[in-house]
Protein backbone atom coordinates (compact mmCIF):
# COMPACT_ATOMS: atom_id res chain seq x y z
CA UNK A 1 0.00 0.00 0.00
CA UNK A 2 1.41 3.31 -1.07
CA UNK A 3 1.03 6.19 1.38
CA UNK A 4 0.94 9.57 -0.28
CA UNK A 5 0.67 13.07 1.11
CA UNK A 6 -3.13 12.77 1.32
CA UNK A 7 -2.63 10.30 4.20
CA UNK A 8 0.65 11.46 5.74
CA UNK A 9 -0.27 15.15 6.11
CA UNK A 10 -3.49 14.65 8.15
CA UNK A 11 -1.89 11.94 10.30
CA UNK A 12 1.17 14.13 10.97
CA UNK A 13 -1.11 17.07 11.79
CA UNK A 14 -3.07 15.01 14.31
CA UNK A 15 0.16 13.67 15.82
CA UNK A 16 1.48 17.24 16.24
CA UNK A 17 -1.68 18.31 18.04
CA UNK A 18 -1.45 15.31 20.38
CA UNK A 19 2.24 16.04 21.01
CA UNK A 20 1.59 19.73 21.74
CA UNK A 21 -1.15 18.84 24.22
CA UNK A 22 0.38 15.76 25.89
CA UNK A 23 4.11 16.49 26.08
CA UNK A 24 3.86 19.40 28.57
CA UNK A 25 1.84 17.19 30.94
CA UNK A 26 4.41 14.41 30.62
CA UNK A 27 7.40 16.66 31.31
CA UNK A 28 5.68 18.37 34.25
CA UNK A 29 4.82 15.03 35.88
CA UNK A 30 8.36 13.78 35.27
CA UNK A 31 9.79 16.89 36.92
CA UNK A 32 7.44 16.41 39.87
CA UNK A 33 8.49 12.76 40.27
CA UNK A 34 12.18 13.68 40.24
CA UNK A 35 11.59 16.40 42.86
CA UNK A 36 9.72 13.94 45.09
CA UNK A 37 12.47 11.34 44.72
CA UNK A 38 15.10 13.91 45.68
CA UNK A 39 13.09 14.98 48.72
CA UNK A 40 12.52 11.36 49.74
CA UNK A 41 16.27 10.62 49.65
CA UNK A 42 17.07 13.79 51.61
CA UNK A 43 14.50 12.97 54.29
CA UNK A 44 15.69 9.35 54.56
CA UNK A 45 19.27 10.57 55.12
CA UNK A 46 18.04 12.97 57.81
CA UNK A 47 18.96 16.14 55.95
CA UNK A 48 16.80 19.23 56.43
CA UNK A 49 14.70 20.33 53.48
CA UNK A 50 16.05 23.63 52.10
CA UNK A 51 13.59 26.54 52.04
CA UNK A 52 14.24 27.00 48.32
CA UNK A 53 12.81 23.55 47.64
CA UNK A 54 9.69 24.27 49.66
CA UNK A 55 9.29 27.59 47.84
CA UNK A 56 9.68 25.86 44.46
CA UNK A 57 7.03 23.30 45.37
CA UNK A 58 4.54 25.93 46.55
CA UNK A 59 5.18 28.05 43.45
CA UNK A 60 3.80 25.22 41.32
CA UNK A 61 0.31 26.02 42.63
CA UNK A 62 -1.58 28.11 40.10
CA UNK A 63 -2.36 31.59 41.30
CA UNK A 64 -5.70 33.17 40.44
CA UNK A 65 -5.64 35.49 37.44
CA UNK A 66 -5.04 39.14 38.15
CA UNK A 67 -6.21 42.25 36.34
CA UNK A 68 -2.83 42.79 34.73
CA UNK A 69 -2.60 39.19 33.49
CA UNK A 70 -6.14 39.36 32.04
CA UNK A 71 -5.34 42.66 30.35
CA UNK A 72 -2.10 41.32 28.85
CA UNK A 73 -3.82 38.17 27.62
CA UNK A 74 -6.62 40.23 26.11
CA UNK A 75 -4.25 42.53 24.28
CA UNK A 76 -2.34 39.55 22.86
CA UNK A 77 -5.52 37.82 21.64
CA UNK A 78 -6.80 41.07 20.17
CA UNK A 79 -3.50 41.62 18.35
CA UNK A 80 -3.67 38.08 16.94
CA UNK A 81 -7.19 38.73 15.64
CA UNK A 82 -6.18 42.05 14.11
CA UNK A 83 -3.11 40.44 12.54
CA UNK A 84 -5.15 37.64 10.96
CA UNK A 85 -7.70 40.18 9.72
CA UNK A 86 -5.06 42.43 8.18
CA UNK A 87 -3.26 39.48 6.58
CA UNK A 88 -6.56 38.34 5.08
CA UNK A 89 -7.49 41.82 3.90
CA UNK A 90 -4.16 42.61 2.27
CA UNK A 91 -3.75 39.08 0.90
CA UNK A 92 -7.15 39.20 -0.79
CA UNK A 93 -6.64 42.81 -1.85
CA UNK A 94 -3.30 42.08 -3.51
CA UNK A 95 -4.44 38.88 -5.22
CA UNK A 96 -7.71 40.41 -6.34
CA UNK A 97 -10.05 37.82 -4.85
CA UNK A 98 -12.05 40.33 -2.84
CA UNK A 99 -13.88 37.69 -0.81
CA UNK A 100 -12.12 38.38 2.55
CA UNK A 101 -13.12 34.97 4.01
CA UNK A 102 -10.51 35.10 6.77
CA UNK A 103 -12.06 38.17 8.40
CA UNK A 104 -14.69 35.94 10.06
CA UNK A 105 -11.98 33.68 11.45
CA UNK A 106 -10.05 36.73 12.67
CA UNK A 107 -13.09 37.73 14.73
CA UNK A 108 -12.71 34.67 16.99
CA UNK A 109 -9.38 35.62 18.64
CA UNK A 110 -10.37 39.29 18.56
CA UNK A 111 -13.57 38.63 20.52
CA UNK A 112 -11.63 36.42 22.98
CA UNK A 113 -9.23 39.35 23.46
CA UNK A 114 -12.06 41.80 24.05
CA UNK A 115 -13.58 39.38 26.59
CA UNK A 116 -10.28 39.18 28.52
CA UNK A 117 -9.96 42.97 28.48
CA UNK A 118 -13.51 43.32 29.83
CA UNK A 119 -12.75 40.68 32.48
CA UNK A 120 -9.71 42.67 33.58
CA UNK A 121 -12.01 45.50 34.64
CA UNK A 122 -14.17 43.17 36.76
CA UNK A 123 -11.34 41.12 38.29
CA UNK A 124 -11.04 41.84 42.04
CA UNK A 125 -7.37 40.70 42.19
CA UNK A 126 -5.55 43.98 41.62
CA UNK A 127 -1.94 43.07 42.40
CA UNK A 128 0.35 40.84 40.41
CA UNK A 129 1.94 38.07 42.45
CA UNK A 130 5.58 37.42 41.76
């Protein structure tokens, strides 16, 4: 059976999506296991746990979103939407198609950005945690 690009491209695309989603979880769990093994050995040998290690373990807890983080995220999403819209507009304008189909797709990240910006005004967490 001969496998041409009509089979390889969709399969490779799906594999990339799975890799992008699954690999961060794998590496994070591996890092956590190694940290626990190191702590276990240190405790078994009777060594005190350094404060830096405790700080690193507590830093792994996700902090609630703040106004500044929501605003930054919103501006980034809005810029992505505007970039897609401009690329579609100028691409169709230069090539003479005139259909501007990508403008509708550009609205999705733009609206997500506007939603994050609006959320930043209603977020009670004012200060950014470091």
